[in-house]
Amino acid sequence: MFAVFESGGKQHRVCEGDVVQLERLPADPGDEVVFDRVSLIASGDDVQVGTPYLDGGAVTGEVVEQGRARKIRVIKFKRRKNYMRTKGHRQHFTTVRITGISAA
């Protein structure tokens, strides 16, 4: 059984027991989170597709950790103009362990 849900403007395909990194969620480690924007739930040959989301479909998970990703360098450069700017960015993320998938 797997589901496709939306979080942080992105879609994620998950099964029970999967650990996924999502955009930062306002939750502490150990908290339970519920994702109700479920687009698809499939169990064998039984596939339920929402338009755009399933009514009553939910994916539940447990927050494992809050963290920040590796630093990336953002460089703006114009040749022969004596212009170069560098900036760093570290994206916040939340790691979630999927505990359950329920359909309507």
PDB file of N, CA and C in Angstrom:
ATOM      1  N   MET A   1       0.842  -1.179   0.000  1.00  0.00           N
ATOM      2  CA  MET A   1       0.000   0.000   0.000  1.00  0.00           C
ATOM      3  C   MET A   1       0.885   1.240   0.000  1.00  0.00           C
ATOM      4  N   PHE A   2       0.578   2.197  -0.880  1.00  0.00           N
ATOM      5  CA  PHE A   2       1.319   3.443  -0.895  1.00  0.00           C
ATOM      6  C   PHE A   2       0.356   4.598  -1.142  1.00  0.00           C
ATOM      7  N   ALA A   3       0.855   5.801  -0.863  1.00  0.00           N
ATOM      8  CA  ALA A   3       0.042   7.001  -1.040  1.00  0.00           C
ATOM      9  C   ALA A   3       0.907   8.116  -1.603  1.00  0.00           C
ATOM     10  N   VAL A   4       0.261   9.064  -2.271  1.00  0.00           N
ATOM     11  CA  VAL A   4       0.919  10.269  -2.757  1.00  0.00           C
ATOM     12  C   VAL A   4       0.236  11.444  -2.069  1.00  0.00           C
ATOM     13  N   PHE A   5       1.029  12.238  -1.337  1.00  0.00           N
ATOM     14  CA  PHE A   5       0.459  13.396  -0.652  1.00  0.00           C
ATOM     15  C   PHE A   5       1.299  14.625  -0.941  1.00  0.00           C
ATOM     16  N   GLU A   6       0.729  15.793  -0.639  1.00  0.00           N
ATOM     17  CA  GLU A   6       1.404  17.052  -0.912  1.00  0.00           C
ATOM     18  C   GLU A   6       1.760  17.735   0.401  1.00  0.00           C
ATOM     19  N   SER A   7       3.011  18.214   0.466  1.00  0.00           N
ATOM     20  CA  SER A   7       3.472  18.964   1.632  1.00  0.00           C
ATOM     21  C   SER A   7       4.567  19.911   1.179  1.00  0.00           C
ATOM     22  N   GLY A   8       4.444  21.162   1.533  1.00  0.00           N
ATOM     23  CA  GLY A   8       5.462  22.139   1.167  1.00  0.00           C
ATOM     24  C   GLY A   8       5.538  22.407  -0.318  1.00  0.00           C
ATOM     25  N   GLY A   9       4.417  22.234  -1.031  1.00  0.00           N
ATOM     26  CA  GLY A   9       4.403  22.485  -2.466  1.00  0.00           C
ATOM     27  C   GLY A   9       4.985  21.361  -3.297  1.00  0.00           C
ATOM     28  N   LYS A  10       5.312  20.240  -2.662  1.00  0.00           N
ATOM     29  CA  LYS A  10       5.882  19.098  -3.384  1.00  0.00           C
ATOM     30  C   LYS A  10       5.041  17.859  -3.102  1.00  0.00           C
ATOM     31  N   GLN A  11       5.059  16.910  -4.030  1.00  0.00           N
ATOM     32  CA  GLN A  11       4.346  15.656  -3.832  1.00  0.00           C
ATOM     33  C   GLN A  11       5.335  14.572  -3.439  1.00  0.00           C
ATOM     34  N   HIS A  12       4.908  13.702  -2.515  1.00  0.00           N
ATOM     35  CA  HIS A  12       5.764  12.633  -2.016  1.00  0.00           C
ATOM     36  C   HIS A  12       5.009  11.311  -2.100  1.00  0.00           C
ATOM     37  N   ARG A  13       5.699  10.265  -2.570  1.00  0.00           N
ATOM     38  CA  ARG A  13       5.134   8.914  -2.644  1.00  0.00           C
ATOM     39  C   ARG A  13       5.716   8.122  -1.487  1.00  0.00           C
ATOM     40  N   VAL A  14       4.856   7.618  -0.603  1.00  0.00           N
ATOM     41  CA  VAL A  14       5.321   6.963   0.616  1.00  0.00           C
ATOM     42  C   VAL A  14       4.559   5.671   0.879  1.00  0.00           C
ATOM     43  N   CYS A  15       5.206   4.776   1.625  1.00  0.00           N
ATOM     44  CA  CYS A  15       4.592   3.578   2.175  1.00  0.00           C
ATOM     45  C   CYS A  15       4.702   3.673   3.696  1.00  0.00           C
ATOM     46  N   GLU A  16       4.011   2.803   4.405  1.00  0.00           N
ATOM     47  CA  GLU A  16       4.136   2.787   5.864  1.00  0.00           C
ATOM     48  C   GLU A  16       5.556   2.393   6.239  1.00  0.00           C
ATOM     49  N   GLY A  17       6.131   3.107   7.197  1.00  0.00           N
ATOM     50  CA  GLY A  17       7.484   2.830   7.654  1.00  0.00           C
ATOM     51  C   GLY A  17       8.557   3.631   6.947  1.00  0.00           C
ATOM     52  N   ASP A  18       8.219   4.335   5.869  1.00  0.00           N
ATOM     53  CA  ASP A  18       9.200   5.162   5.160  1.00  0.00           C
ATOM     54  C   ASP A  18       9.595   6.364   6.007  1.00  0.00           C
ATOM     55  N   VAL A  19      10.820   6.826   5.807  1.00  0.00           N
ATOM     56  CA  VAL A  19      11.310   8.039   6.451  1.00  0.00           C
ATOM     57  C   VAL A  19      11.599   9.044   5.340  1.00  0.00           C
ATOM     58  N   VAL A  20      10.933  10.214   5.387  1.00  0.00           N
ATOM     59  CA  VAL A  20      11.069  11.219   4.339  1.00  0.00           C
ATOM     60  C   VAL A  20      11.469  12.557   4.940  1.00  0.00           C
ATOM     61  N   GLN A  21      12.199  13.348   4.128  1.00  0.00           N
ATOM     62  CA  GLN A  21      12.560  14.712   4.515  1.00  0.00           C
ATOM     63  C   GLN A  21      11.627  15.672   3.797  1.00  0.00           C
ATOM     64  N   LEU A  22      10.923  16.488   4.573  1.00  0.00           N
ATOM     65  CA  LEU A  22       9.964  17.438   4.036  1.00  0.00           C
ATOM     66  C   LEU A  22      10.406  18.854   4.345  1.00  0.00           C
ATOM     67  N   GLU A  23       9.748  19.823   3.703  1.00  0.00           N
ATOM     68  CA  GLU A  23       9.966  21.215   4.074  1.00  0.00           C
ATOM     69  C   GLU A  23       9.603  21.370   5.545  1.00  0.00           C
ATOM     70  N   ARG A  24      10.204  22.349   6.201  1.00  0.00           N
ATOM     71  CA  ARG A  24      10.042  22.517   7.647  1.00  0.00           C
ATOM     72  C   ARG A  24       8.580  22.594   8.055  1.00  0.00           C
ATOM     73  N   LEU A  25       8.231  21.771   9.066  1.00  0.00           N
ATOM     74  CA  LEU A  25       6.894  21.759   9.642  1.00  0.00           C
ATOM     75  C   LEU A  25       6.962  22.301  11.068  1.00  0.00           C
ATOM     76  N   PRO A  26       5.925  23.011  11.527  1.00  0.00           N
ATOM     77  CA  PRO A  26       5.940  23.539  12.895  1.00  0.00           C
ATOM     78  C   PRO A  26       5.572  22.460  13.912  1.00  0.00           C
ATOM     79  N   ALA A  27       6.485  21.527  14.160  1.00  0.00           N
ATOM     80  CA  ALA A  27       6.250  20.434  15.105  1.00  0.00           C
ATOM     81  C   ALA A  27       7.568  20.058  15.765  1.00  0.00           C
ATOM     82  N   ASP A  28       7.482  19.524  16.961  1.00  0.00           N
ATOM     83  CA  ASP A  28       8.660  19.095  17.703  1.00  0.00           C
ATOM     84  C   ASP A  28       8.903  17.608  17.475  1.00  0.00           C
ATOM     85  N   PRO A  29      10.149  17.134  17.656  1.00  0.00           N
ATOM     86  CA  PRO A  29      10.409  15.697  17.537  1.00  0.00           C
ATOM     87  C   PRO A  29       9.532  14.904  18.508  1.00  0.00           C
ATOM     88  N   GLY A  30       8.936  13.837  17.986  1.00  0.00           N
ATOM     89  CA  GLY A  30       8.026  13.014  18.775  1.00  0.00           C
ATOM     90  C   GLY A  30       6.568  13.342  18.538  1.00  0.00           C
ATOM     91  N   ASP A  31       6.263  14.508  17.954  1.00  0.00           N
ATOM     92  CA  ASP A  31       4.879  14.891  17.672  1.00  0.00           C
ATOM     93  C   ASP A  31       4.337  14.091  16.496  1.00  0.00           C
ATOM     94  N   GLU A  32       3.016  13.940  16.466  1.00  0.00           N
ATOM     95  CA  GLU A  32       2.357  13.275  15.346  1.00  0.00           C
ATOM     96  C   GLU A  32       1.816  14.338  14.399  1.00  0.00           C
ATOM     97  N   VAL A  33       2.018  14.131  13.103  1.00  0.00           N
ATOM     98  CA  VAL A  33       1.501  15.052  12.091  1.00  0.00           C
ATOM     99  C   VAL A  33       0.579  14.289  11.154  1.00  0.00           C
ATOM    100  N   VAL A  34      -0.443  14.992  10.654  1.00  0.00           N
ATOM    101  CA  VAL A  34      -1.417  14.391   9.743  1.00  0.00           C
ATOM    102  C   VAL A  34      -1.426  15.201   8.456  1.00  0.00           C
ATOM    103  N   PHE A  35      -1.256  14.520   7.331  1.00  0.00           N
ATOM    104  CA  PHE A  35      -1.287  15.152   6.017  1.00  0.00           C
ATOM    105  C   PHE A  35      -2.616  14.769   5.374  1.00  0.00           C
ATOM    106  N   ASP A  36      -3.468  15.776   5.116  1.00  0.00           N
ATOM    107  CA  ASP A  36      -4.790  15.485   4.564  1.00  0.00           C
ATOM    108  C   ASP A  36      -4.908  15.814   3.077  1.00  0.00           C
ATOM    109  N   ARG A  37      -3.832  16.342   2.500  1.00  0.00           N
ATOM    110  CA  ARG A  37      -3.860  16.635   1.064  1.00  0.00           C
ATOM    111  C   ARG A  37      -3.320  15.419   0.299  1.00  0.00           C
ATOM    112  N   VAL A  38      -4.104  14.345   0.294  1.00  0.00           N
ATOM    113  CA  VAL A  38      -3.714  13.074  -0.311  1.00  0.00           C
ATOM    114  C   VAL A  38      -4.302  12.998  -1.715  1.00  0.00           C
ATOM    115  N   SER A  39      -3.451  12.782  -2.717  1.00  0.00           N
ATOM    116  CA  SER A  39      -3.889  12.729  -4.109  1.00  0.00           C
ATOM    117  C   SER A  39      -4.232  11.321  -4.562  1.00  0.00           C
ATOM    118  N   LEU A  40      -3.540  10.320  -4.009  1.00  0.00           N
ATOM    119  CA  LEU A  40      -3.707   8.954  -4.497  1.00  0.00           C
ATOM    120  C   LEU A  40      -3.408   7.971  -3.382  1.00  0.00           C
ATOM    121  N   ILE A  41      -4.218   6.918  -3.300  1.00  0.00           N
ATOM    122  CA  ILE A  41      -3.942   5.796  -2.392  1.00  0.00           C
ATOM    123  C   ILE A  41      -4.115   4.520  -3.207  1.00  0.00           C
ATOM    124  N   ALA A  42      -3.094   3.661  -3.185  1.00  0.00           N
ATOM    125  CA  ALA A  42      -3.135   2.416  -3.953  1.00  0.00           C
ATOM    126  C   ALA A  42      -2.804   1.245  -3.044  1.00  0.00           C
ATOM    127  N   SER A  43      -3.619   0.211  -3.163  1.00  0.00           N
ATOM    128  CA  SER A  43      -3.396  -1.025  -2.422  1.00  0.00           C
ATOM    129  C   SER A  43      -3.643  -2.175  -3.395  1.00  0.00           C
ATOM    130  N   GLY A  44      -2.556  -2.689  -3.968  1.00  0.00           N
ATOM    131  CA  GLY A  44      -2.693  -3.736  -4.973  1.00  0.00           C
ATOM    132  C   GLY A  44      -3.354  -3.192  -6.221  1.00  0.00           C
ATOM    133  N   ASP A  45      -4.477  -3.805  -6.638  1.00  0.00           N
ATOM    134  CA  ASP A  45      -5.197  -3.347  -7.821  1.00  0.00           C
ATOM    135  C   ASP A  45      -6.221  -2.266  -7.492  1.00  0.00           C
ATOM    136  N   ASP A  46      -6.477  -2.024  -6.206  1.00  0.00           N
ATOM    137  CA  ASP A  46      -7.430  -1.003  -5.792  1.00  0.00           C
ATOM    138  C   ASP A  46      -6.728   0.350  -5.722  1.00  0.00           C
ATOM    139  N   VAL A  47      -7.073   1.248  -6.645  1.00  0.00           N
ATOM    140  CA  VAL A  47      -6.439   2.573  -6.711  1.00  0.00           C
ATOM    141  C   VAL A  47      -7.525   3.630  -6.571  1.00  0.00           C
ATOM    142  N   GLN A  48      -7.318   4.545  -5.627  1.00  0.00           N
ATOM    143  CA  GLN A  48      -8.245   5.666  -5.438  1.00  0.00           C
ATOM    144  C   GLN A  48      -7.508   6.950  -5.803  1.00  0.00           C
ATOM    145  N   VAL A  49      -8.081   7.720  -6.731  1.00  0.00           N
ATOM    146  CA  VAL A  49      -7.461   8.951  -7.193  1.00  0.00           C
ATOM    147  C   VAL A  49      -8.402  10.101  -6.878  1.00  0.00           C
ATOM    148  N   GLY A  50      -7.872  11.161  -6.278  1.00  0.00           N
ATOM    149  CA  GLY A  50      -8.673  12.322  -5.934  1.00  0.00           C
ATOM    150  C   GLY A  50      -8.705  13.340  -7.053  1.00  0.00           C
ATOM    151  N   THR A  51      -9.666  14.274  -6.964  1.00  0.00           N
ATOM    152  CA  THR A  51      -9.771  15.343  -7.948  1.00  0.00           C
ATOM    153  C   THR A  51      -9.889  16.678  -7.238  1.00  0.00           C
ATOM    154  N   PRO A  52      -8.892  17.361  -6.806  1.00  0.00           N
ATOM    155  CA  PRO A  52      -7.491  16.974  -6.806  1.00  0.00           C
ATOM    156  C   PRO A  52      -7.089  16.136  -5.589  1.00  0.00           C
ATOM    157  N   TYR A  53      -7.895  16.184  -4.486  1.00  0.00           N
ATOM    158  CA  TYR A  53      -7.529  15.438  -3.285  1.00  0.00           C
ATOM    159  C   TYR A  53      -8.650  14.486  -2.902  1.00  0.00           C
ATOM    160  N   LEU A  54      -8.289  13.403  -2.202  1.00  0.00           N
ATOM    161  CA  LEU A  54      -9.265  12.433  -1.730  1.00  0.00           C
ATOM    162  C   LEU A  54      -9.988  12.970  -0.501  1.00  0.00           C
ATOM    163  N   ASP A  55     -11.307  12.807  -0.464  1.00  0.00           N
ATOM    164  CA  ASP A  55     -12.075  13.179   0.718  1.00  0.00           C
ATOM    165  C   ASP A  55     -11.885  12.104   1.788  1.00  0.00           C
ATOM    166  N   GLY A  56     -11.411  12.504   2.955  1.00  0.00           N
ATOM    167  CA  GLY A  56     -11.218  11.556   4.052  1.00  0.00           C
ATOM    168  C   GLY A  56      -9.900  10.818   4.006  1.00  0.00           C
ATOM    169  N   GLY A  57      -9.101  11.006   2.982  1.00  0.00           N
ATOM    170  CA  GLY A  57      -7.792  10.355   2.914  1.00  0.00           C
ATOM    171  C   GLY A  57      -6.796  11.079   3.796  1.00  0.00           C
ATOM    172  N   ALA A  58      -5.947  10.308   4.489  1.00  0.00           N
ATOM    173  CA  ALA A  58      -4.969  10.924   5.385  1.00  0.00           C
ATOM    174  C   ALA A  58      -3.720  10.056   5.478  1.00  0.00           C
ATOM    175  N   VAL A  59      -2.597  10.720   5.639  1.00  0.00           N
ATOM    176  CA  VAL A  59      -1.322  10.054   5.893  1.00  0.00           C
ATOM    177  C   VAL A  59      -0.823  10.603   7.227  1.00  0.00           C
ATOM    178  N   THR A  60      -0.532   9.708   8.168  1.00  0.00           N
ATOM    179  CA  THR A  60      -0.049  10.143   9.476  1.00  0.00           C
ATOM    180  C   THR A  60       1.417   9.788   9.613  1.00  0.00           C
ATOM    181  N   GLY A  61       2.115  10.590  10.387  1.00  0.00           N
ATOM    182  CA  GLY A  61       3.533  10.363  10.582  1.00  0.00           C
ATOM    183  C   GLY A  61       3.993  10.901  11.917  1.00  0.00           C
ATOM    184  N   GLU A  62       5.212  10.523  12.284  1.00  0.00           N
ATOM    185  CA  GLU A  62       5.822  10.982  13.525  1.00  0.00           C
ATOM    186  C   GLU A  62       7.080  11.764  13.170  1.00  0.00           C
ATOM    187  N   VAL A  63       7.233  12.937  13.771  1.00  0.00           N
ATOM    188  CA  VAL A  63       8.399  13.771  13.511  1.00  0.00           C
ATOM    189  C   VAL A  63       9.608  13.142  14.192  1.00  0.00           C
ATOM    190  N   VAL A  64      10.651  12.867  13.413  1.00  0.00           N
ATOM    191  CA  VAL A  64      11.866  12.264  13.942  1.00  0.00           C
ATOM    192  C   VAL A  64      12.852  13.347  14.355  1.00  0.00           C
ATOM    193  N   GLU A  65      13.073  14.342  13.479  1.00  0.00           N
ATOM    194  CA  GLU A  65      14.012  15.412  13.802  1.00  0.00           C
ATOM    195  C   GLU A  65      13.730  16.647  12.973  1.00  0.00           C
ATOM    196  N   GLN A  66      14.227  17.777  13.478  1.00  0.00           N
ATOM    197  CA  GLN A  66      14.247  19.030  12.743  1.00  0.00           C
ATOM    198  C   GLN A  66      15.716  19.305  12.424  1.00  0.00           C
ATOM    199  N   GLY A  67      16.007  19.778  11.232  1.00  0.00           N
ATOM    200  CA  GLY A  67      17.410  20.006  10.898  1.00  0.00           C
ATOM    201  C   GLY A  67      17.583  21.010   9.782  1.00  0.00           C
ATOM    202  N   ARG A  68      18.835  21.175   9.388  1.00  0.00           N
ATOM    203  CA  ARG A  68      19.191  22.049   8.281  1.00  0.00           C
ATOM    204  C   ARG A  68      20.099  21.285   7.329  1.00  0.00           C
ATOM    205  N   ALA A  69      19.892  21.499   6.044  1.00  0.00           N
ATOM    206  CA  ALA A  69      20.663  20.782   5.026  1.00  0.00           C
ATOM    207  C   ALA A  69      22.057  21.388   4.885  1.00  0.00           C
ATOM    208  N   ARG A  70      22.884  20.782   4.018  1.00  0.00           N
ATOM    209  CA  ARG A  70      24.219  21.306   3.734  1.00  0.00           C
ATOM    210  C   ARG A  70      24.122  22.715   3.175  1.00  0.00           C
ATOM    211  N   LYS A  71      25.159  23.487   3.392  1.00  0.00           N
ATOM    212  CA  LYS A  71      25.195  24.849   2.866  1.00  0.00           C
ATOM    213  C   LYS A  71      25.462  24.814   1.366  1.00  0.00           C
ATOM    214  N   ILE A  72      24.711  25.622   0.647  1.00  0.00           N
ATOM    215  CA  ILE A  72      24.984  25.798  -0.776  1.00  0.00           C
ATOM    216  C   ILE A  72      25.482  27.224  -0.979  1.00  0.00           C
ATOM    217  N   ARG A  73      26.307  27.411  -1.983  1.00  0.00           N
ATOM    218  CA  ARG A  73      26.850  28.727  -2.300  1.00  0.00           C
ATOM    219  C   ARG A  73      26.070  29.306  -3.470  1.00  0.00           C
ATOM    220  N   VAL A  74      25.638  30.556  -3.312  1.00  0.00           N
ATOM    221  CA  VAL A  74      24.951  31.273  -4.372  1.00  0.00           C
ATOM    222  C   VAL A  74      25.898  32.375  -4.823  1.00  0.00           C
ATOM    223  N   ILE A  75      26.277  32.369  -6.100  1.00  0.00           N
ATOM    224  CA  ILE A  75      27.271  33.314  -6.613  1.00  0.00           C
ATOM    225  C   ILE A  75      26.668  34.123  -7.754  1.00  0.00           C
ATOM    226  N   LYS A  76      26.800  35.439  -7.660  1.00  0.00           N
ATOM    227  CA  LYS A  76      26.425  36.347  -8.751  1.00  0.00           C
ATOM    228  C   LYS A  76      27.728  36.938  -9.274  1.00  0.00           C
ATOM    229  N   PHE A  77      27.946  36.823 -10.574  1.00  0.00           N
ATOM    230  CA  PHE A  77      29.233  37.210 -11.145  1.00  0.00           C
ATOM    231  C   PHE A  77      29.032  37.824 -12.518  1.00  0.00           C
ATOM    232  N   LYS A  78      29.680  38.958 -12.736  1.00  0.00           N
ATOM    233  CA  LYS A  78      29.685  39.572 -14.070  1.00  0.00           C
ATOM    234  C   LYS A  78      31.136  39.766 -14.478  1.00  0.00           C
ATOM    235  N   ARG A  79      31.524  39.137 -15.555  1.00  0.00           N
ATOM    236  CA  ARG A  79      32.922  39.195 -15.966  1.00  0.00           C
ATOM    237  C   ARG A  79      33.294  40.592 -16.451  1.00  0.00           C
ATOM    238  N   ARG A  80      34.534  40.928 -16.214  1.00  0.00           N
ATOM    239  CA  ARG A  80      35.127  42.203 -16.630  1.00  0.00           C
ATOM    240  C   ARG A  80      34.452  43.429 -16.030  1.00  0.00           C
ATOM    241  N   LYS A  81      33.622  43.271 -15.037  1.00  0.00           N
ATOM    242  CA  LYS A  81      32.931  44.411 -14.428  1.00  0.00           C
ATOM    243  C   LYS A  81      33.306  44.585 -12.956  1.00  0.00           C
ATOM    244  N   ASN A  82      34.256  43.781 -12.471  1.00  0.00           N
ATOM    245  CA  ASN A  82      34.685  43.835 -11.076  1.00  0.00           C
ATOM    246  C   ASN A  82      33.496  43.653 -10.132  1.00  0.00           C
ATOM    247  N   TYR A  83      32.637  42.661 -10.468  1.00  0.00           N
ATOM    248  CA  TYR A  83      31.433  42.423  -9.680  1.00  0.00           C
ATOM    249  C   TYR A  83      31.319  40.938  -9.360  1.00  0.00           C
ATOM    250  N   MET A  84      31.322  40.621  -8.055  1.00  0.00           N
ATOM    251  CA  MET A  84      31.081  39.252  -7.612  1.00  0.00           C
ATOM    252  C   MET A  84      30.503  39.302  -6.208  1.00  0.00           C
ATOM    253  N   ARG A  85      29.387  38.601  -6.024  1.00  0.00           N
ATOM    254  CA  ARG A  85      28.745  38.512  -4.719  1.00  0.00           C
ATOM    255  C   ARG A  85      28.544  37.043  -4.392  1.00  0.00           C
ATOM    256  N   THR A  86      28.877  36.652  -3.175  1.00  0.00           N
ATOM    257  CA  THR A  86      28.643  35.279  -2.734  1.00  0.00           C
ATOM    258  C   THR A  86      27.736  35.308  -1.519  1.00  0.00           C
ATOM    259  N   LYS A  87      26.906  34.296  -1.439  1.00  0.00           N
ATOM    260  CA  LYS A  87      25.980  34.178  -0.330  1.00  0.00           C
ATOM    261  C   LYS A  87      25.775  32.698  -0.069  1.00  0.00           C
ATOM    262  N   GLY A  88      25.548  32.316   1.181  1.00  0.00           N
ATOM    263  CA  GLY A  88      25.285  30.928   1.527  1.00  0.00           C
ATOM    264  C   GLY A  88      23.837  30.747   1.956  1.00  0.00           C
ATOM    265  N   HIS A  89      23.361  29.505   1.839  1.00  0.00           N
ATOM    266  CA  HIS A  89      21.980  29.205   2.238  1.00  0.00           C
ATOM    267  C   HIS A  89      21.914  27.777   2.768  1.00  0.00           C
ATOM    268  N   ARG A  90      21.236  27.605   3.903  1.00  0.00           N
ATOM    269  CA  ARG A  90      20.980  26.276   4.447  1.00  0.00           C
ATOM    270  C   ARG A  90      19.474  26.114   4.604  1.00  0.00           C
ATOM    271  N   GLN A  91      18.906  25.136   3.912  1.00  0.00           N
ATOM    272  CA  GLN A  91      17.460  24.923   3.916  1.00  0.00           C
ATOM    273  C   GLN A  91      17.042  24.137   5.157  1.00  0.00           C
ATOM    274  N   HIS A  92      15.989  24.584   5.824  1.00  0.00           N
ATOM    275  CA  HIS A  92      15.430  23.864   6.964  1.00  0.00           C
ATOM    276  C   HIS A  92      14.617  22.671   6.465  1.00  0.00           C
ATOM    277  N   PHE A  93      14.634  21.574   7.207  1.00  0.00           N
ATOM    278  CA  PHE A  93      13.828  20.410   6.844  1.00  0.00           C
ATOM    279  C   PHE A  93      13.318  19.715   8.101  1.00  0.00           C
ATOM    280  N   THR A  94      12.315  18.878   7.910  1.00  0.00           N
ATOM    281  CA  THR A  94      11.753  18.049   8.970  1.00  0.00           C
ATOM    282  C   THR A  94      11.782  16.608   8.483  1.00  0.00           C
ATOM    283  N   THR A  95      12.324  15.711   9.294  1.00  0.00           N
ATOM    284  CA  THR A  95      12.321  14.294   8.947  1.00  0.00           C
ATOM    285  C   THR A  95      11.128  13.634   9.616  1.00  0.00           C
ATOM    286  N   VAL A  96      10.321  12.914   8.812  1.00  0.00           N
ATOM    287  CA  VAL A  96       9.082  12.307   9.292  1.00  0.00           C
ATOM    288  C   VAL A  96       9.085  10.818   8.968  1.00  0.00           C
ATOM    289  N   ARG A  97       8.703   9.992   9.955  1.00  0.00           N
ATOM    290  CA  ARG A  97       8.505   8.553   9.734  1.00  0.00           C
ATOM    291  C   ARG A  97       7.008   8.319   9.536  1.00  0.00           C
ATOM    292  N   ILE A  98       6.629   7.726   8.408  1.00  0.00           N
ATOM    293  CA  ILE A  98       5.219   7.502   8.084  1.00  0.00           C
ATOM    294  C   ILE A  98       4.710   6.328   8.919  1.00  0.00           C
ATOM    295  N   THR A  99       3.622   6.570   9.680  1.00  0.00           N
ATOM    296  CA  THR A  99       3.080   5.535  10.571  1.00  0.00           C
ATOM    297  C   THR A  99       1.775   4.943  10.070  1.00  0.00           C
ATOM    298  N   GLY A 100       1.064   5.647   9.211  1.00  0.00           N
ATOM    299  CA  GLY A 100      -0.216   5.088   8.756  1.00  0.00           C
ATOM    300  C   GLY A 100      -0.753   5.788   7.524  1.00  0.00           C
ATOM    301  N   ILE A 101      -1.516   5.014   6.730  1.00  0.00           N
ATOM    302  CA  ILE A 101      -2.208   5.530   5.550  1.00  0.00           C
ATOM    303  C   ILE A 101      -3.660   5.094   5.669  1.00  0.00           C
ATOM    304  N   SER A 102      -4.577   6.051   5.598  1.00  0.00           N
ATOM    305  CA  SER A 102      -5.992   5.678   5.705  1.00  0.00           C
ATOM    306  C   SER A 102      -6.770   6.311   4.567  1.00  0.00           C
ATOM    307  N   ALA A 103      -7.698   5.536   4.026  1.00  0.00           N
ATOM    308  CA  ALA A 103      -8.569   6.015   2.958  1.00  0.00           C
ATOM    309  C   ALA A 103      -9.937   6.368   3.546  1.00  0.00           C
ATOM    310  N   ALA A 104     -10.782   6.950   2.722  1.00  0.00           N
ATOM    311  CA  ALA A 104     -12.121   7.358   3.187  1.00  0.00           C
ATOM    312  C   ALA A 104     -12.957   6.150   3.567  1.00  0.00           C
TER     313      ALA A 104
END
